[in-house]
Amino acid sequence: SIEGYEEENDFRRGAGTFQKCTAAMKRLKDRGVPFGASLCY
């Protein structure tokens, strides 16, 4: 669940959450694990 870019995401979810979320995406991608995204408008 991500709102888009860092500014929008962290505004709603809290400072640093965008970086933590995208780091988790990278961890999964590096391990060959598929994932999706749930974007809120």
ModelCIF file with pLDDT and N, C-alpha, C, O atoms, coordinates in Angstrom:
data_MODEL
#
_entry.id   MODEL 
#
_entity.id                         1 
_entity.type                       polymer 
_entity.pdbx_number_of_molecules   1 
#
_entity_poly.entity_id                      1 
_entity_poly.type                           'polypeptide(L)' 
_entity_poly.nstd_linkage                   no 
_entity_poly.nstd_monomer                   no 
_entity_poly.pdbx_seq_one_letter_code       SIEGYEEENDFRRGAGTFQKCTAAMKRLKDRGVPFGASLCY 
_entity_poly.pdbx_seq_one_letter_code_can   SIEGYEEENDFRRGAGTFQKCTAAMKRLKDRGVPFGASLCY 
_entity_poly.pdbx_strand_id                 A 
#
loop_
_entity_poly_seq.entity_id 
_entity_poly_seq.num 
_entity_poly_seq.mon_id 
_entity_poly_seq.hetero 
1 1  SER n 
1 2  ILE n 
1 3  GLU n 
1 4  GLY n 
1 5  TYR n 
1 6  GLU n 
1 7  GLU n 
1 8  GLU n 
1 9  ASN n 
1 10 ASP n 
1 11 PHE n 
1 12 ARG n 
1 13 ARG n 
1 14 GLY n 
1 15 ALA n 
1 16 GLY n 
1 17 THR n 
1 18 PHE n 
1 19 GLN n 
1 20 LYS n 
1 21 CYS n 
1 22 THR n 
1 23 ALA n 
1 24 ALA n 
1 25 MET n 
1 26 LYS n 
1 27 ARG n 
1 28 LEU n 
1 29 LYS n 
1 30 ASP n 
1 31 ARG n 
1 32 GLY n 
1 33 VAL n 
1 34 PRO n 
1 35 PHE n 
1 36 GLY n 
1 37 ALA n 
1 38 SER n 
1 39 LEU n 
1 40 CYS n 
1 41 TYR n 
#
_struct_asym.id          A 
_struct_asym.entity_id   1 
#
loop_
_ma_qa_metric.id 
_ma_qa_metric.mode 
_ma_qa_metric.name 
_ma_qa_metric.software_group_id 
_ma_qa_metric.type 
1 global pLDDT . pLDDT 
2 local  pLDDT . pLDDT 
#
_ma_qa_metric_global.metric_id      1 
_ma_qa_metric_global.metric_value   93.12 
_ma_qa_metric_global.model_id       1 
_ma_qa_metric_global.ordinal_id     1 
#
loop_
_ma_qa_metric_local.label_asym_id 
_ma_qa_metric_local.label_comp_id 
_ma_qa_metric_local.label_seq_id 
_ma_qa_metric_local.metric_id 
_ma_qa_metric_local.metric_value 
_ma_qa_metric_local.model_id 
_ma_qa_metric_local.ordinal_id 
A SER 1  2 94.00 1 1  
A ILE 2  2 92.00 1 2  
A GLU 3  2 88.00 1 3  
A GLY 4  2 87.00 1 4  
A TYR 5  2 91.00 1 5  
A GLU 6  2 94.00 1 6  
A GLU 7  2 94.00 1 7  
A GLU 8  2 91.00 1 8  
A ASN 9  2 92.00 1 9  
A ASP 10 2 94.00 1 10 
A PHE 11 2 93.00 1 11 
A ARG 12 2 91.00 1 12 
A ARG 13 2 92.00 1 13 
A GLY 14 2 93.00 1 14 
A ALA 15 2 96.00 1 15 
A GLY 16 2 97.00 1 16 
A THR 17 2 96.00 1 17 
A PHE 18 2 96.00 1 18 
A GLN 19 2 97.00 1 19 
A LYS 20 2 97.00 1 20 
A CYS 21 2 97.00 1 21 
A THR 22 2 97.00 1 22 
A ALA 23 2 98.00 1 23 
A ALA 24 2 98.00 1 24 
A MET 25 2 97.00 1 25 
A LYS 26 2 98.00 1 26 
A ARG 27 2 98.00 1 27 
A LEU 28 2 97.00 1 28 
A LYS 29 2 96.00 1 29 
A ASP 30 2 97.00 1 30 
A ARG 31 2 97.00 1 31 
A GLY 32 2 96.00 1 32 
A VAL 33 2 96.00 1 33 
A PRO 34 2 94.00 1 34 
A PHE 35 2 96.00 1 35 
A GLY 36 2 95.00 1 36 
A ALA 37 2 93.00 1 37 
A SER 38 2 90.00 1 38 
A LEU 39 2 84.00 1 39 
A CYS 40 2 71.00 1 40 
A TYR 41 2 68.00 1 41 
#
loop_
_atom_site.group_PDB 
_atom_site.id 
_atom_site.type_symbol 
_atom_site.label_atom_id 
_atom_site.label_alt_id 
_atom_site.label_comp_id 
_atom_site.label_asym_id 
_atom_site.label_entity_id 
_atom_site.label_seq_id 
_atom_site.pdbx_PDB_ins_code 
_atom_site.Cartn_x 
_atom_site.Cartn_y 
_atom_site.Cartn_z 
_atom_site.occupancy 
_atom_site.B_iso_or_equiv 
_atom_site.pdbx_formal_charge 
_atom_site.auth_seq_id 
_atom_site.auth_comp_id 
_atom_site.auth_asym_id 
_atom_site.auth_atom_id 
_atom_site.pdbx_PDB_model_num 
ATOM 1   N N  . SER A 1 1  ? 0.868  -1.178  0.000  1.00 94.00 ? 1  SER A N  1 
ATOM 2   C CA . SER A 1 1  ? 0.000  0.000   0.000  1.00 94.00 ? 1  SER A CA 1 
ATOM 3   C C  . SER A 1 1  ? 0.904  1.227   0.000  1.00 94.00 ? 1  SER A C  1 
ATOM 4   O O  . SER A 1 1  ? 1.670  1.459   0.934  1.00 94.00 ? 1  SER A O  1 
ATOM 5   N N  . ILE A 1 2  ? 0.793  1.996   -1.063 1.00 92.00 ? 2  ILE A N  1 
ATOM 6   C CA . ILE A 1 2  ? 1.676  3.149   -1.225 1.00 92.00 ? 2  ILE A CA 1 
ATOM 7   C C  . ILE A 1 2  ? 0.905  4.236   -1.975 1.00 92.00 ? 2  ILE A C  1 
ATOM 8   O O  . ILE A 1 2  ? 0.124  3.942   -2.880 1.00 92.00 ? 2  ILE A O  1 
ATOM 9   N N  . GLU A 1 3  ? 1.128  5.468   -1.599 1.00 88.00 ? 3  GLU A N  1 
ATOM 10  C CA . GLU A 1 3  ? 0.369  6.576   -2.190 1.00 88.00 ? 3  GLU A CA 1 
ATOM 11  C C  . GLU A 1 3  ? 0.986  7.141   -3.457 1.00 88.00 ? 3  GLU A C  1 
ATOM 12  O O  . GLU A 1 3  ? 0.375  7.990   -4.107 1.00 88.00 ? 3  GLU A O  1 
ATOM 13  N N  . GLY A 1 4  ? 2.145  6.706   -3.815 1.00 87.00 ? 4  GLY A N  1 
ATOM 14  C CA . GLY A 1 4  ? 2.819  7.250   -4.995 1.00 87.00 ? 4  GLY A CA 1 
ATOM 15  C C  . GLY A 1 4  ? 4.259  7.535   -4.641 1.00 87.00 ? 4  GLY A C  1 
ATOM 16  O O  . GLY A 1 4  ? 4.994  6.639   -4.227 1.00 87.00 ? 4  GLY A O  1 
ATOM 17  N N  . TYR A 1 5  ? 4.659  8.773   -4.801 1.00 91.00 ? 5  TYR A N  1 
ATOM 18  C CA . TYR A 1 5  ? 6.042  9.142   -4.503 1.00 91.00 ? 5  TYR A CA 1 
ATOM 19  C C  . TYR A 1 5  ? 6.225  9.451   -3.019 1.00 91.00 ? 5  TYR A C  1 
ATOM 20  O O  . TYR A 1 5  ? 5.266  9.474   -2.247 1.00 91.00 ? 5  TYR A O  1 
ATOM 21  N N  . GLU A 1 6  ? 7.470  9.685   -2.645 1.00 94.00 ? 6  GLU A N  1 
ATOM 22  C CA . GLU A 1 6  ? 7.856  9.816   -1.242 1.00 94.00 ? 6  GLU A CA 1 
ATOM 23  C C  . GLU A 1 6  ? 7.075  10.897  -0.496 1.00 94.00 ? 6  GLU A C  1 
ATOM 24  O O  . GLU A 1 6  ? 6.590  10.656  0.609  1.00 94.00 ? 6  GLU A O  1 
ATOM 25  N N  . GLU A 1 7  ? 6.951  12.066  -1.078 1.00 94.00 ? 7  GLU A N  1 
ATOM 26  C CA . GLU A 1 7  ? 6.286  13.172  -0.378 1.00 94.00 ? 7  GLU A CA 1 
ATOM 27  C C  . GLU A 1 7  ? 4.828  12.830  -0.043 1.00 94.00 ? 7  GLU A C  1 
ATOM 28  O O  . GLU A 1 7  ? 4.383  13.045  1.084  1.00 94.00 ? 7  GLU A O  1 
ATOM 29  N N  . GLU A 1 8  ? 4.094  12.303  -1.015 1.00 91.00 ? 8  GLU A N  1 
ATOM 30  C CA . GLU A 1 8  ? 2.695  11.955  -0.798 1.00 91.00 ? 8  GLU A CA 1 
ATOM 31  C C  . GLU A 1 8  ? 2.560  10.783  0.186  1.00 91.00 ? 8  GLU A C  1 
ATOM 32  O O  . GLU A 1 8  ? 1.719  10.803  1.085  1.00 91.00 ? 8  GLU A O  1 
ATOM 33  N N  . ASN A 1 9  ? 3.390  9.783   -0.003 1.00 92.00 ? 9  ASN A N  1 
ATOM 34  C CA . ASN A 1 9  ? 3.323  8.613   0.867  1.00 92.00 ? 9  ASN A CA 1 
ATOM 35  C C  . ASN A 1 9  ? 3.636  8.981   2.312  1.00 92.00 ? 9  ASN A C  1 
ATOM 36  O O  . ASN A 1 9  ? 2.882  8.626   3.218  1.00 92.00 ? 9  ASN A O  1 
ATOM 37  N N  . ASP A 1 10 ? 4.741  9.687   2.535  1.00 94.00 ? 10 ASP A N  1 
ATOM 38  C CA . ASP A 1 10 ? 5.148  10.018  3.902  1.00 94.00 ? 10 ASP A CA 1 
ATOM 39  C C  . ASP A 1 10 ? 4.211  11.022  4.559  1.00 94.00 ? 10 ASP A C  1 
ATOM 40  O O  . ASP A 1 10 ? 4.095  11.041  5.784  1.00 94.00 ? 10 ASP A O  1 
ATOM 41  N N  . PHE A 1 11 ? 3.540  11.858  3.765  1.00 93.00 ? 11 PHE A N  1 
ATOM 42  C CA . PHE A 1 11 ? 2.544  12.775  4.325  1.00 93.00 ? 11 PHE A CA 1 
ATOM 43  C C  . PHE A 1 11 ? 1.436  11.992  5.014  1.00 93.00 ? 11 PHE A C  1 
ATOM 44  O O  . PHE A 1 11 ? 1.002  12.347  6.109  1.00 93.00 ? 11 PHE A O  1 
ATOM 45  N N  . ARG A 1 12 ? 0.986  10.933  4.370  1.00 91.00 ? 12 ARG A N  1 
ATOM 46  C CA . ARG A 1 12 ? -0.109 10.137  4.924  1.00 91.00 ? 12 ARG A CA 1 
ATOM 47  C C  . ARG A 1 12 ? 0.357  9.098   5.936  1.00 91.00 ? 12 ARG A C  1 
ATOM 48  O O  . ARG A 1 12 ? -0.293 8.905   6.963  1.00 91.00 ? 12 ARG A O  1 
ATOM 49  N N  . ARG A 1 13 ? 1.460  8.433   5.664  1.00 92.00 ? 13 ARG A N  1 
ATOM 50  C CA . ARG A 1 13 ? 1.876  7.277   6.460  1.00 92.00 ? 13 ARG A CA 1 
ATOM 51  C C  . ARG A 1 13 ? 2.947  7.569   7.499  1.00 92.00 ? 13 ARG A C  1 
ATOM 52  O O  . ARG A 1 13 ? 3.140  6.777   8.422  1.00 92.00 ? 13 ARG A O  1 
ATOM 53  N N  . GLY A 1 14 ? 3.639  8.678   7.366  1.00 93.00 ? 14 GLY A N  1 
ATOM 54  C CA . GLY A 1 14 ? 4.689  9.029   8.315  1.00 93.00 ? 14 GLY A CA 1 
ATOM 55  C C  . GLY A 1 14 ? 6.052  9.080   7.660  1.00 93.00 ? 14 GLY A C  1 
ATOM 56  O O  . GLY A 1 14 ? 6.319  8.354   6.703  1.00 93.00 ? 14 GLY A O  1 
ATOM 57  N N  . ALA A 1 15 ? 6.918  9.945   8.183  1.00 96.00 ? 15 ALA A N  1 
ATOM 58  C CA . ALA A 1 15 ? 8.254  10.147  7.623  1.00 96.00 ? 15 ALA A CA 1 
ATOM 59  C C  . ALA A 1 15 ? 9.023  8.828   7.575  1.00 96.00 ? 15 ALA A C  1 
ATOM 60  O O  . ALA A 1 15 ? 9.056  8.071   8.545  1.00 96.00 ? 15 ALA A O  1 
ATOM 61  N N  . GLY A 1 16 ? 9.635  8.577   6.427  1.00 97.00 ? 16 GLY A N  1 
ATOM 62  C CA . GLY A 1 16 ? 10.483 7.404   6.261  1.00 97.00 ? 16 GLY A CA 1 
ATOM 63  C C  . GLY A 1 16 ? 9.780  6.151   5.770  1.00 97.00 ? 16 GLY A C  1 
ATOM 64  O O  . GLY A 1 16 ? 10.439 5.165   5.437  1.00 97.00 ? 16 GLY A O  1 
ATOM 65  N N  . THR A 1 17 ? 8.444  6.171   5.718  1.00 96.00 ? 17 THR A N  1 
ATOM 66  C CA . THR A 1 17 ? 7.742  4.940   5.321  1.00 96.00 ? 17 THR A CA 1 
ATOM 67  C C  . THR A 1 17 ? 7.937  4.611   3.837  1.00 96.00 ? 17 THR A C  1 
ATOM 68  O O  . THR A 1 17 ? 7.965  3.437   3.469  1.00 96.00 ? 17 THR A O  1 
ATOM 69  N N  . PHE A 1 18 ? 8.071  5.617   2.995  1.00 96.00 ? 18 PHE A N  1 
ATOM 70  C CA . PHE A 1 18 ? 8.298  5.362   1.574  1.00 96.00 ? 18 PHE A CA 1 
ATOM 71  C C  . PHE A 1 18 ? 9.603  4.600   1.388  1.00 96.00 ? 18 PHE A C  1 
ATOM 72  O O  . PHE A 1 18 ? 9.647  3.614   0.652  1.00 96.00 ? 18 PHE A O  1 
ATOM 73  N N  . GLN A 1 19 ? 10.660 5.048   2.046  1.00 97.00 ? 19 GLN A N  1 
ATOM 74  C CA . GLN A 1 19 ? 11.962 4.389   1.926  1.00 97.00 ? 19 GLN A CA 1 
ATOM 75  C C  . GLN A 1 19 ? 11.915 2.965   2.463  1.00 97.00 ? 19 GLN A C  1 
ATOM 76  O O  . GLN A 1 19 ? 12.513 2.065   1.875  1.00 97.00 ? 19 GLN A O  1 
ATOM 77  N N  . LYS A 1 20 ? 11.208 2.748   3.578  1.00 97.00 ? 20 LYS A N  1 
ATOM 78  C CA . LYS A 1 20 ? 11.085 1.396   4.134  1.00 97.00 ? 20 LYS A CA 1 
ATOM 79  C C  . LYS A 1 20 ? 10.303 0.481   3.184  1.00 97.00 ? 20 LYS A C  1 
ATOM 80  O O  . LYS A 1 20 ? 10.655 -0.683  2.997  1.00 97.00 ? 20 LYS A O  1 
ATOM 81  N N  . CYS A 1 21 ? 9.251  1.020   2.597  1.00 97.00 ? 21 CYS A N  1 
ATOM 82  C CA . CYS A 1 21 ? 8.417  0.242   1.679  1.00 97.00 ? 21 CYS A CA 1 
ATOM 83  C C  . CYS A 1 21 ? 9.197  -0.121  0.419  1.00 97.00 ? 21 CYS A C  1 
ATOM 84  O O  . CYS A 1 21 ? 9.190  -1.278  -0.002 1.00 97.00 ? 21 CYS A O  1 
ATOM 85  N N  . THR A 1 22 ? 9.866  0.851   -0.182 1.00 97.00 ? 22 THR A N  1 
ATOM 86  C CA . THR A 1 22 ? 10.608 0.556   -1.405 1.00 97.00 ? 22 THR A CA 1 
ATOM 87  C C  . THR A 1 22 ? 11.818 -0.340  -1.123 1.00 97.00 ? 22 THR A C  1 
ATOM 88  O O  . THR A 1 22 ? 12.236 -1.100  -1.997 1.00 97.00 ? 22 THR A O  1 
ATOM 89  N N  . ALA A 1 23 ? 12.383 -0.261  0.080  1.00 98.00 ? 23 ALA A N  1 
ATOM 90  C CA . ALA A 1 23 ? 13.471 -1.177  0.455  1.00 98.00 ? 23 ALA A CA 1 
ATOM 91  C C  . ALA A 1 23 ? 12.936 -2.609  0.542  1.00 98.00 ? 23 ALA A C  1 
ATOM 92  O O  . ALA A 1 23 ? 13.616 -3.553  0.141  1.00 98.00 ? 23 ALA A O  1 
ATOM 93  N N  . ALA A 1 24 ? 11.716 -2.768  1.068  1.00 98.00 ? 24 ALA A N  1 
ATOM 94  C CA . ALA A 1 24 ? 11.102 -4.105  1.135  1.00 98.00 ? 24 ALA A CA 1 
ATOM 95  C C  . ALA A 1 24 ? 10.842 -4.634  -0.276 1.00 98.00 ? 24 ALA A C  1 
ATOM 96  O O  . ALA A 1 24 ? 11.059 -5.816  -0.543 1.00 98.00 ? 24 ALA A O  1 
ATOM 97  N N  . MET A 1 25 ? 10.383 -3.771  -1.173 1.00 97.00 ? 25 MET A N  1 
ATOM 98  C CA . MET A 1 25 ? 10.183 -4.183  -2.564 1.00 97.00 ? 25 MET A CA 1 
ATOM 99  C C  . MET A 1 25 ? 11.494 -4.685  -3.172 1.00 97.00 ? 25 MET A C  1 
ATOM 100 O O  . MET A 1 25 ? 11.519 -5.714  -3.847 1.00 97.00 ? 25 MET A O  1 
ATOM 101 N N  . LYS A 1 26 ? 12.579 -3.951  -2.929 1.00 98.00 ? 26 LYS A N  1 
ATOM 102 C CA . LYS A 1 26 ? 13.882 -4.348  -3.463 1.00 98.00 ? 26 LYS A CA 1 
ATOM 103 C C  . LYS A 1 26 ? 14.334 -5.687  -2.875 1.00 98.00 ? 26 LYS A C  1 
ATOM 104 O O  . LYS A 1 26 ? 14.874 -6.534  -3.586 1.00 98.00 ? 26 LYS A O  1 
ATOM 105 N N  . ARG A 1 27 ? 14.109 -5.866  -1.577 1.00 98.00 ? 27 ARG A N  1 
ATOM 106 C CA . ARG A 1 27 ? 14.479 -7.146  -0.954 1.00 98.00 ? 27 ARG A CA 1 
ATOM 107 C C  . ARG A 1 27 ? 13.779 -8.319  -1.654 1.00 98.00 ? 27 ARG A C  1 
ATOM 108 O O  . ARG A 1 27 ? 14.399 -9.343  -1.943 1.00 98.00 ? 27 ARG A O  1 
ATOM 109 N N  . LEU A 1 28 ? 12.492 -8.152  -1.917 1.00 97.00 ? 28 LEU A N  1 
ATOM 110 C CA . LEU A 1 28 ? 11.736 -9.225  -2.564 1.00 97.00 ? 28 LEU A CA 1 
ATOM 111 C C  . LEU A 1 28 ? 12.182 -9.413  -4.015 1.00 97.00 ? 28 LEU A C  1 
ATOM 112 O O  . LEU A 1 28 ? 12.357 -10.540 -4.478 1.00 97.00 ? 28 LEU A O  1 
ATOM 113 N N  . LYS A 1 29 ? 12.362 -8.313  -4.715 1.00 96.00 ? 29 LYS A N  1 
ATOM 114 C CA . LYS A 1 29 ? 12.808 -8.403  -6.114 1.00 96.00 ? 29 LYS A CA 1 
ATOM 115 C C  . LYS A 1 29 ? 14.152 -9.113  -6.193 1.00 96.00 ? 29 LYS A C  1 
ATOM 116 O O  . LYS A 1 29 ? 14.359 -9.955  -7.067 1.00 96.00 ? 29 LYS A O  1 
ATOM 117 N N  . ASP A 1 30 ? 15.068 -8.776  -5.284 1.00 97.00 ? 30 ASP A N  1 
ATOM 118 C CA . ASP A 1 30 ? 16.395 -9.408  -5.274 1.00 97.00 ? 30 ASP A CA 1 
ATOM 119 C C  . ASP A 1 30 ? 16.315 -10.909 -5.001 1.00 97.00 ? 30 ASP A C  1 
ATOM 120 O O  . ASP A 1 30 ? 17.221 -11.654 -5.376 1.00 97.00 ? 30 ASP A O  1 
ATOM 121 N N  . ARG A 1 31 ? 15.249 -11.355 -4.359 1.00 97.00 ? 31 ARG A N  1 
ATOM 122 C CA . ARG A 1 31 ? 15.076 -12.770 -4.026 1.00 97.00 ? 31 ARG A CA 1 
ATOM 123 C C  . ARG A 1 31 ? 14.185 -13.505 -5.027 1.00 97.00 ? 31 ARG A C  1 
ATOM 124 O O  . ARG A 1 31 ? 13.933 -14.702 -4.888 1.00 97.00 ? 31 ARG A O  1 
ATOM 125 N N  . GLY A 1 32 ? 13.713 -12.775 -6.033 1.00 96.00 ? 32 GLY A N  1 
ATOM 126 C CA . GLY A 1 32 ? 12.872 -13.399 -7.043 1.00 96.00 ? 32 GLY A CA 1 
ATOM 127 C C  . GLY A 1 32 ? 11.451 -13.659 -6.572 1.00 96.00 ? 32 GLY A C  1 
ATOM 128 O O  . GLY A 1 32 ? 10.812 -14.615 -7.011 1.00 96.00 ? 32 GLY A O  1 
ATOM 129 N N  . VAL A 1 33 ? 10.951 -12.801 -5.671 1.00 96.00 ? 33 VAL A N  1 
ATOM 130 C CA . VAL A 1 33 ? 9.594  -12.952 -5.145 1.00 96.00 ? 33 VAL A CA 1 
ATOM 131 C C  . VAL A 1 33 ? 8.682  -11.900 -5.783 1.00 96.00 ? 33 VAL A C  1 
ATOM 132 O O  . VAL A 1 33 ? 8.952  -10.706 -5.659 1.00 96.00 ? 33 VAL A O  1 
ATOM 133 N N  . PRO A 1 34 ? 7.617  -12.313 -6.457 1.00 94.00 ? 34 PRO A N  1 
ATOM 134 C CA . PRO A 1 34 ? 6.693  -11.343 -7.046 1.00 94.00 ? 34 PRO A CA 1 
ATOM 135 C C  . PRO A 1 34 ? 5.892  -10.627 -5.967 1.00 94.00 ? 34 PRO A C  1 
ATOM 136 O O  . PRO A 1 34 ? 5.608  -11.187 -4.908 1.00 94.00 ? 34 PRO A O  1 
ATOM 137 N N  . PHE A 1 35 ? 5.539  -9.392  -6.253 1.00 96.00 ? 35 PHE A N  1 
ATOM 138 C CA . PHE A 1 35 ? 4.716  -8.586  -5.334 1.00 96.00 ? 35 PHE A CA 1 
ATOM 139 C C  . PHE A 1 35 ? 3.917  -7.609  -6.162 1.00 96.00 ? 35 PHE A C  1 
ATOM 140 O O  . PHE A 1 35 ? 4.182  -7.409  -7.347 1.00 96.00 ? 35 PHE A O  1 
ATOM 141 N N  . GLY A 1 36 ? 2.944  -7.007  -5.527 1.00 95.00 ? 36 GLY A N  1 
ATOM 142 C CA . GLY A 1 36 ? 2.102  -6.026  -6.195 1.00 95.00 ? 36 GLY A CA 1 
ATOM 143 C C  . GLY A 1 36 ? 2.082  -4.723  -5.421 1.00 95.00 ? 36 GLY A C  1 
ATOM 144 O O  . GLY A 1 36 ? 2.807  -4.549  -4.441 1.00 95.00 ? 36 GLY A O  1 
ATOM 145 N N  . ALA A 1 37 ? 1.254  -3.827  -5.873 1.00 93.00 ? 37 ALA A N  1 
ATOM 146 C CA . ALA A 1 37 ? 1.096  -2.544  -5.199 1.00 93.00 ? 37 ALA A CA 1 
ATOM 147 C C  . ALA A 1 37 ? -0.388 -2.218  -5.134 1.00 93.00 ? 37 ALA A C  1 
ATOM 148 O O  . ALA A 1 37 ? -1.159 -2.552  -6.034 1.00 93.00 ? 37 ALA A O  1 
ATOM 149 N N  . SER A 1 38 ? -0.765 -1.567  -4.059 1.00 90.00 ? 38 SER A N  1 
ATOM 150 C CA . SER A 1 38 ? -2.128 -1.084  -3.877 1.00 90.00 ? 38 SER A CA 1 
ATOM 151 C C  . SER A 1 38 ? -2.020 0.422   -3.729 1.00 90.00 ? 38 SER A C  1 
ATOM 152 O O  . SER A 1 38 ? -1.581 0.929   -2.696 1.00 90.00 ? 38 SER A O  1 
ATOM 153 N N  . LEU A 1 39 ? -2.427 1.134   -4.778 1.00 84.00 ? 39 LEU A N  1 
ATOM 154 C CA . LEU A 1 39 ? -2.255 2.583   -4.806 1.00 84.00 ? 39 LEU A CA 1 
ATOM 155 C C  . LEU A 1 39 ? -3.569 3.279   -4.452 1.00 84.00 ? 39 LEU A C  1 
ATOM 156 O O  . LEU A 1 39 ? -4.639 2.911   -4.936 1.00 84.00 ? 39 LEU A O  1 
ATOM 157 N N  . CYS A 1 40 ? -3.460 4.284   -3.603 1.00 71.00 ? 40 CYS A N  1 
ATOM 158 C CA . CYS A 1 40 ? -4.646 5.076   -3.234 1.00 71.00 ? 40 CYS A CA 1 
ATOM 159 C C  . CYS A 1 40 ? -4.600 6.397   -3.979 1.00 71.00 ? 40 CYS A C  1 
ATOM 160 O O  . CYS A 1 40 ? -3.557 7.047   -4.050 1.00 71.00 ? 40 CYS A O  1 
ATOM 161 N N  . TYR A 1 41 ? -5.738 6.788   -4.531 1.00 68.00 ? 41 TYR A N  1 
ATOM 162 C CA . TYR A 1 41 ? -5.815 8.057   -5.240 1.00 68.00 ? 41 TYR A CA 1 
ATOM 163 C C  . TYR A 1 41 ? -6.155 9.139   -4.245 1.00 68.00 ? 41 TYR A C  1 
ATOM 164 O O  . TYR A 1 41 ? -6.274 10.305  -4.619 1.00 68.00 ? 41 TYR A O  1 
#
